[in-house]
C-alpha atoms as a PDB file:
ATOM      1  CA  LEU A   1     -14.887  10.330   6.155  1.00  0.00           C
ATOM      2  CA  ILE A   2     -12.253   8.938   3.787  1.00  0.00           C
ATOM      3  CA  PHE A   3      -8.904   9.038   5.519  1.00  0.00           C
ATOM      4  CA  GLU A   4      -5.536   8.463   3.813  1.00  0.00           C
ATOM      5  CA  ILE A   5      -2.230   8.058   5.570  1.00  0.00           C
ATOM      6  CA  GLY A   6       0.618   9.456   3.495  1.00  0.00           C
ATOM      7  CA  ALA A   7       0.573  11.842   0.544  1.00  0.00           C
ATOM      8  CA  GLY A   8       2.092  10.683  -2.726  1.00  0.00           C
ATOM      9  CA  SER A   9       1.291  11.088  -6.412  1.00  0.00           C
ATOM     10  CA  ALA A  10      -2.485  10.655  -5.820  1.00  0.00           C
ATOM     11  CA  ILE A  11      -2.783   8.405  -8.887  1.00  0.00           C
ATOM     12  CA  TYR A  12      -4.351   5.477  -7.032  1.00  0.00           C
ATOM     13  CA  THR A  13      -6.175   7.661  -4.525  1.00  0.00           C
ATOM     14  CA  LYS A  14      -7.987   9.527  -7.288  1.00  0.00           C
ATOM     15  CA  GLU A  15      -9.230   6.262  -8.796  1.00  0.00           C
ATOM     16  CA  VAL A  16     -10.755   5.301  -5.446  1.00  0.00           C
ATOM     17  CA  ILE A  17     -12.312   8.543  -4.234  1.00  0.00           C
ATOM     18  CA  ASP A  18     -13.695   9.518  -7.661  1.00  0.00           C
ATOM     19  CA  LYS A  19     -16.091   6.591  -7.230  1.00  0.00           C
ATOM     20  CA  LEU A  20     -17.274   7.934  -3.870  1.00  0.00           C
ATOM     21  CA  ASN A  21     -19.360  11.113  -3.952  1.00  0.00           C
ATOM     22  CA  ASN A  22     -20.235  13.563  -1.159  1.00  0.00           C
ATOM     23  CA  ASN A  23     -17.534  12.343   1.197  1.00  0.00           C
ATOM     24  CA  ILE A  24     -15.013  14.273   3.245  1.00  0.00           C
ATOM     25  CA  TYR A  25     -11.433  13.336   2.297  1.00  0.00           C
ATOM     26  CA  ILE A  26      -8.519  13.866   4.682  1.00  0.00           C
ATOM     27  CA  SER A  27      -4.870  13.040   4.058  1.00  0.00           C
ATOM     28  CA  CYS A  28      -2.076  13.186   6.608  1.00  0.00           C
ATOM     29  CA  ASP A  29       1.670  13.249   6.199  1.00  0.00           C
ATOM     30  CA  MET A  30       4.752  14.446   8.068  1.00  0.00           C
ATOM     31  CA  SER A  31       5.731  16.591   5.064  1.00  0.00           C
ATOM     32  CA  ILE A  32       3.997  19.932   4.447  1.00  0.00           C
ATOM     33  CA  ASN A  33       5.289  19.998   0.865  1.00  0.00           C
ATOM     34  CA  ALA A  34       3.898  16.527   0.166  1.00  0.00           C
ATOM     35  CA  LEU A  35       0.485  17.670   1.395  1.00  0.00           C
ATOM     36  CA  ARG A  36       0.637  20.803  -0.765  1.00  0.00           C
ATOM     37  CA  ILE A  37       1.351  18.667  -3.820  1.00  0.00           C
ATOM     38  CA  ARG A  38      -1.466  16.287  -2.879  1.00  0.00           C
ATOM     39  CA  ARG A  39      -3.940  19.172  -2.564  1.00  0.00           C
ATOM     40  CA  LYS A  40      -2.935  20.492  -5.989  1.00  0.00           C
ATOM     41  CA  LEU A  41      -3.079  17.096  -7.699  1.00  0.00           C
ATOM     42  CA  LEU A  42      -6.475  16.088  -6.319  1.00  0.00           C
ATOM     43  CA  ASN A  43      -8.114  19.526  -6.529  1.00  0.00           C
ATOM     44  CA  ARG A  44     -11.160  18.108  -4.768  1.00  0.00           C
ATOM     45  CA  PRO A  45     -13.828  19.871  -2.681  1.00  0.00           C
ATOM     46  CA  ASN A  46     -14.391  18.737   0.912  1.00  0.00           C
ATOM     47  CA  SER A  47     -10.694  17.850   1.239  1.00  0.00           C
ATOM     48  CA  TYR A  48      -8.370  18.543   4.133  1.00  0.00           C
ATOM     49  CA  ASN A  49      -4.646  17.952   4.614  1.00  0.00           C
ATOM     50  CA  VAL A  50      -3.196  17.461   8.079  1.00  0.00           C
ATOM     51  CA  VAL A  51       0.422  17.359   9.258  1.00  0.00           C
ATOM     52  CA  CYS A  52       0.624  14.543  11.819  1.00  0.00           C
ATOM     53  CA  PRO A  53       2.242  11.116  12.402  1.00  0.00           C
ATOM     54  CA  ILE A  54       0.444   7.813  11.946  1.00  0.00           C
ATOM     55  CA  ASN A  55       0.506   7.078  15.700  1.00  0.00           C
ATOM     56  CA  ASN A  56      -1.018  10.399  16.748  1.00  0.00           C
ATOM     57  CA  LEU A  57      -3.958  11.015  14.424  1.00  0.00           C
ATOM     58  CA  PRO A  58      -6.466  13.732  15.383  1.00  0.00           C
ATOM     59  CA  PHE A  59      -9.608  11.623  14.858  1.00  0.00           C
ATOM     60  CA  GLU A  60     -12.203  10.143  17.159  1.00  0.00           C
ATOM     61  CA  ASP A  61     -12.843   6.412  17.376  1.00  0.00           C
ATOM     62  CA  ASN A  62     -15.337   5.053  14.820  1.00  0.00           C
ATOM     63  CA  SER A  63     -15.074   8.183  12.677  1.00  0.00           C
ATOM     64  CA  ALA A  64     -13.791   6.884   9.307  1.00  0.00           C
ATOM     65  CA  ALA A  65     -15.676   4.847   6.711  1.00  0.00           C
ATOM     66  CA  LEU A  66     -12.514   4.137   4.690  1.00  0.00           C
ATOM     67  CA  ILE A  67      -8.797   4.240   5.493  1.00  0.00           C
ATOM     68  CA  LEU A  68      -6.272   4.145   2.645  1.00  0.00           C
ATOM     69  CA  LEU A  69      -2.717   2.868   3.171  1.00  0.00           C
ATOM     70  CA  LEU A  70      -1.155   2.858  -0.292  1.00  0.00           C
ATOM     71  CA  GLY A  71       2.531   2.004  -0.103  1.00  0.00           C
ATOM     72  CA  ILE A  72       3.011   3.864   3.167  1.00  0.00           C
ATOM     73  CA  LEU A  73       3.398   1.308   5.988  1.00  0.00           C
ATOM     74  CA  HIS A  74       6.999   0.488   5.107  1.00  0.00           C
ATOM     75  CA  HIS A  75       7.870   4.157   5.721  1.00  0.00           C
ATOM     76  CA  THR A  76       6.456   4.148   9.256  1.00  0.00           C
ATOM     77  CA  GLU A  77       8.251   3.442  12.494  1.00  0.00           C
ATOM     78  CA  HIS A  78       6.140   0.538  13.740  1.00  0.00           C
ATOM     79  CA  LYS A  79       5.155  -0.849  10.325  1.00  0.00           C
ATOM     80  CA  GLU A  80       2.262  -3.358  10.424  1.00  0.00           C
ATOM     81  CA  HIS A  81       1.922  -2.980  14.204  1.00  0.00           C
ATOM     82  CA  ASN A  82       0.082   0.318  13.682  1.00  0.00           C
ATOM     83  CA  PHE A  83      -3.076  -1.616  12.756  1.00  0.00           C
ATOM     84  CA  PRO A  84      -4.621  -1.971  16.246  1.00  0.00           C
ATOM     85  CA  TYR A  85      -4.589   1.831  16.549  1.00  0.00           C
ATOM     86  CA  LEU A  86      -5.963   2.385  13.042  1.00  0.00           C
ATOM     87  CA  LYS A  87      -8.799  -0.097  13.585  1.00  0.00           C
ATOM     88  CA  LYS A  88     -10.179   2.072  16.395  1.00  0.00           C
ATOM     89  CA  ILE A  89     -10.687   4.972  13.984  1.00  0.00           C
ATOM     90  CA  LEU A  90     -12.759   2.866  11.584  1.00  0.00           C
ATOM     91  CA  GLN A  91     -16.535   2.712  11.847  1.00  0.00           C
ATOM     92  CA  PRO A  92     -18.202  -0.703  12.187  1.00  0.00           C
ATOM     93  CA  LYS A  93     -18.263  -2.252   8.672  1.00  0.00           C
ATOM     94  CA  GLY A  94     -15.638   0.328   7.656  1.00  0.00           C
ATOM     95  CA  LEU A  95     -12.931  -0.676   5.175  1.00  0.00           C
ATOM     96  CA  MET A  96      -9.153  -0.485   5.221  1.00  0.00           C
ATOM     97  CA  TYR A  97      -7.464  -0.622   1.798  1.00  0.00           C
ATOM     98  CA  ILE A  98      -3.812  -1.707   2.049  1.00  0.00           C
ATOM     99  CA  ASP A  99      -1.340  -1.865  -0.823  1.00  0.00           C
ATOM    100  CA  GLU A 100       2.138  -2.633   0.429  1.00  0.00           C
ATOM    101  CA  VAL A 101       5.637  -3.783  -0.482  1.00  0.00           C
ATOM    102  CA  LEU A 102       6.704  -6.959   1.303  1.00  0.00           C
ATOM    103  CA  TYR A 103      10.234  -6.777  -0.053  1.00  0.00           C
ATOM    104  CA  ARG A 104      11.732  -6.024  -3.469  1.00  0.00           C
ATOM    105  CA  PRO A 105      13.074  -9.208  -5.074  1.00  0.00           C
ATOM    106  CA  SER A 106      14.859  -8.581  -8.339  1.00  0.00           C
ATOM    107  CA  PHE A 107      17.083 -10.091 -11.004  1.00  0.00           C
ATOM    108  CA  LEU A 108      18.867  -6.720 -10.941  1.00  0.00           C
ATOM    109  CA  PRO A 109      21.565  -5.997  -8.314  1.00  0.00           C
ATOM    110  CA  HIS A 110      20.857  -3.424  -5.619  1.00  0.00           C
ATOM    111  CA  LYS A 111      24.100  -1.461  -5.596  1.00  0.00           C
ATOM    112  CA  ASN A 112      25.452   0.359  -2.545  1.00  0.00           C
ATOM    113  CA  ILE A 113      22.686  -0.876  -0.219  1.00  0.00           C
ATOM    114  CA  LYS A 114      23.852  -2.373   3.074  1.00  0.00           C
ATOM    115  CA  LYS A 115      21.304  -3.319   5.683  1.00  0.00           C
ATOM    116  CA  GLY A 116      21.921  -1.484   8.944  1.00  0.00           C
ATOM    117  CA  VAL A 117      24.367   0.927   7.316  1.00  0.00           C
ATOM    118  CA  ASN A 118      22.732   3.047   4.622  1.00  0.00           C
ATOM    119  CA  ILE A 119      19.409   1.318   3.993  1.00  0.00           C
ATOM    120  CA  SER A 120      16.485   3.748   4.194  1.00  0.00           C
ATOM    121  CA  ALA A 121      12.975   3.259   5.538  1.00  0.00           C
ATOM    122  CA  HIS A 122      11.779   2.859   1.951  1.00  0.00           C
ATOM    123  CA  GLU A 123      13.760  -0.359   1.492  1.00  0.00           C
ATOM    124  CA  GLU A 124      12.680  -1.915   4.784  1.00  0.00           C
ATOM    125  CA  HIS A 125      10.251  -4.815   4.663  1.00  0.00           C
ATOM    126  CA  ILE A 126       6.680  -5.383   5.686  1.00  0.00           C
ATOM    127  CA  PHE A 127       6.412  -8.944   6.975  1.00  0.00           C
ATOM    128  CA  LEU A 128       3.426 -10.860   5.659  1.00  0.00           C
ATOM    129  CA  ASP A 129       3.037 -12.929   8.833  1.00  0.00           C
ATOM    130  CA  GLY A 130       2.911  -9.770  10.949  1.00  0.00           C
ATOM    131  CA  LEU A 131       0.412  -8.213   8.557  1.00  0.00           C
ATOM    132  CA  LYS A 132      -1.898 -11.241   8.701  1.00  0.00           C
ATOM    133  CA  TYR A 133      -1.574 -11.508  12.474  1.00  0.00           C
ATOM    134  CA  ASN A 134      -2.704  -7.929  12.997  1.00  0.00           C
ATOM    135  CA  LEU A 135      -5.640  -8.321  10.605  1.00  0.00           C
ATOM    136  CA  LYS A 136      -7.024 -11.489  12.235  1.00  0.00           C
ATOM    137  CA  GLU A 137      -8.778  -9.692  15.073  1.00  0.00           C
ATOM    138  CA  ASP A 138     -11.809  -7.367  14.986  1.00  0.00           C
ATOM    139  CA  GLY A 139     -12.644  -7.954  11.334  1.00  0.00           C
ATOM    140  CA  LYS A 140     -12.153  -9.992   8.183  1.00  0.00           C
ATOM    141  CA  ILE A 141     -10.207  -9.841   4.933  1.00  0.00           C
ATOM    142  CA  LYS A 142     -12.540  -9.144   1.986  1.00  0.00           C
ATOM    143  CA  PHE A 143      -9.868  -9.202  -0.738  1.00  0.00           C
ATOM    144  CA  TYR A 144      -6.303 -10.511  -0.754  1.00  0.00           C
ATOM    145  CA  LYS A 145      -3.798 -10.675  -3.616  1.00  0.00           C
ATOM    146  CA  LEU A 146      -0.053 -11.280  -3.784  1.00  0.00           C
ATOM    147  CA  PHE A 147       1.852  -9.947  -6.791  1.00  0.00           C
ATOM    148  CA  HIS A 148       4.966  -8.134  -8.048  1.00  0.00           C
ATOM    149  CA  THR A 149       7.672 -10.709  -8.773  1.00  0.00           C
ATOM    150  CA  PRO A 150      11.149 -10.323 -10.345  1.00  0.00           C
ATOM    151  CA  PHE A 151       9.881 -11.154 -13.848  1.00  0.00           C
ATOM    152  CA  TYR A 152       7.536  -8.165 -13.802  1.00  0.00           C
ATOM    153  CA  ASN A 153      10.374  -5.928 -12.545  1.00  0.00           C
ATOM    154  CA  LEU A 154      12.674  -7.208 -15.286  1.00  0.00           C
ATOM    155  CA  VAL A 155      10.158  -6.490 -18.054  1.00  0.00           C
ATOM    156  CA  LYS A 156       9.218  -3.133 -16.537  1.00  0.00           C
ATOM    157  CA  ASN A 157      12.860  -2.009 -16.481  1.00  0.00           C
ATOM    158  CA  PHE A 158      13.951  -3.223 -19.924  1.00  0.00           C
ATOM    159  CA  LEU A 159      10.700  -3.357 -21.927  1.00  0.00           C
ATOM    160  CA  PRO A 160       8.347  -0.835 -20.269  1.00  0.00           C
ATOM    161  CA  SER A 161       6.338  -0.410 -23.486  1.00  0.00           C
ATOM    162  CA  LEU A 162       5.373  -4.088 -23.296  1.00  0.00           C
ATOM    163  CA  VAL A 163       3.875  -3.601 -19.840  1.00  0.00           C
ATOM    164  CA  ARG A 164       1.889  -0.564 -20.998  1.00  0.00           C
ATOM    165  CA  LYS A 165       1.056  -1.756 -24.515  1.00  0.00           C
ATOM    166  CA  SER A 166      -2.314  -3.237 -23.634  1.00  0.00           C
ATOM    167  CA  TYR A 167      -4.210  -4.825 -20.787  1.00  0.00           C
ATOM    168  CA  LEU A 168      -3.764  -8.197 -22.541  1.00  0.00           C
ATOM    169  CA  SER A 169       0.044  -7.951 -22.538  1.00  0.00           C
ATOM    170  CA  PHE A 170      -0.042  -6.912 -18.872  1.00  0.00           C
ATOM    171  CA  LYS A 171      -2.222  -9.935 -18.015  1.00  0.00           C
ATOM    172  CA  ILE A 172       0.196 -12.267 -19.816  1.00  0.00           C
ATOM    173  CA  ILE A 173       3.149 -10.854 -17.859  1.00  0.00           C
ATOM    174  CA  MET A 174       1.258 -11.237 -14.591  1.00  0.00           C
ATOM    175  CA  MET A 175       0.286 -14.806 -15.542  1.00  0.00           C
ATOM    176  CA  ILE A 176       3.979 -15.647 -16.003  1.00  0.00           C
ATOM    177  CA  ASP A 177       4.649 -13.994 -12.644  1.00  0.00           C
ATOM    178  CA  LYS A 178       2.058 -16.249 -11.054  1.00  0.00           C
ATOM    179  CA  ILE A 179       3.716 -19.328 -12.532  1.00  0.00           C
ATOM    180  CA  PHE A 180       7.042 -18.137 -11.072  1.00  0.00           C
ATOM    181  CA  MET A 181       5.446 -17.658  -7.660  1.00  0.00           C
ATOM    182  CA  LYS A 182       3.788 -21.076  -7.684  1.00  0.00           C
ATOM    183  CA  THR A 183       6.843 -23.026  -8.894  1.00  0.00           C
ATOM    184  CA  LEU A 184      10.220 -21.324  -8.492  1.00  0.00           C
ATOM    185  CA  GLY A 185       9.102 -19.733  -5.231  1.00  0.00           C
ATOM    186  CA  PHE A 186       9.634 -23.091  -3.549  1.00  0.00           C
ATOM    187  CA  ILE A 187      13.266 -23.100  -4.705  1.00  0.00           C
ATOM    188  CA  SER A 188      14.296 -19.516  -3.937  1.00  0.00           C
ATOM    189  CA  LYS A 189      12.829 -16.533  -2.095  1.00  0.00           C
ATOM    190  CA  ARG A 190      13.928 -14.444  -5.089  1.00  0.00           C
ATOM    191  CA  PHE A 191      10.784 -15.644  -6.877  1.00  0.00           C
ATOM    192  CA  ASN A 192       8.320 -15.070  -4.049  1.00  0.00           C
ATOM    193  CA  PRO A 193       5.718 -12.299  -4.450  1.00  0.00           C
ATOM    194  CA  GLY A 194       7.027  -8.898  -3.426  1.00  0.00           C
ATOM    195  CA  ALA A 195       3.820  -6.983  -2.701  1.00  0.00           C
ATOM    196  CA  VAL A 196       0.301  -7.470  -1.370  1.00  0.00           C
ATOM    197  CA  THR A 197      -3.091  -5.807  -1.710  1.00  0.00           C
ATOM    198  CA  VAL A 198      -5.646  -6.291   1.061  1.00  0.00           C
ATOM    199  CA  ILE A 199      -9.144  -4.944   1.669  1.00  0.00           C
ATOM    200  CA  TRP A 200     -10.106  -5.465   5.310  1.00  0.00           C
ATOM    201  CA  GLU A 201     -13.542  -4.917   6.877  1.00  0.00           C
ATOM    202  CA  LYS A 202     -14.111  -4.108  10.534  1.00  0.00           C
ATOM    203  CA  ASN A 203     -16.688  -6.128  12.474  1.00  0.00           C
ATOM    204  CA  GLU A 204     -20.059  -4.599  13.328  1.00  0.00           C
END
């Protein structure tokens, strides 16, 4: 069982599940329309789409080999504190693939956004300390990478062709990002990494 929480564009999901044959894929979301779009985009056999919330999933303990959380935790009510519940669904040696926004630092102003007034769930933060705390127990982190700094956002907004031109140009931009994170990050939070990718494995 490959289980994904949230239904989006399916771009990243397709890359993952295309490498895994003869598996059952299930996605869940609170939006019926989102699930309809997901079904159409993936067009994959042995796929099911379920309307349900993250804290009331219709699966038995130890039933999933892989859980995908691609940019979805910051939409949920309890954010990173959903992990203890999700871990129960994973099989021993099962994997959880997390790709998540920590916050969105930027050189560009965020107009008309006031925290506590009109800020939406999409702009709320995932806290790295809380994420690490909830991943310490019952398993281990197999892969961990911080990325997505203001320099990348700046280039992506004003010179998007440079980001997409080639893998080499992308690597150069990300190298500059890394330099920003390692140096200017000590001076201002504006230069800290804004996203994280984690692959976590459950204990046997």
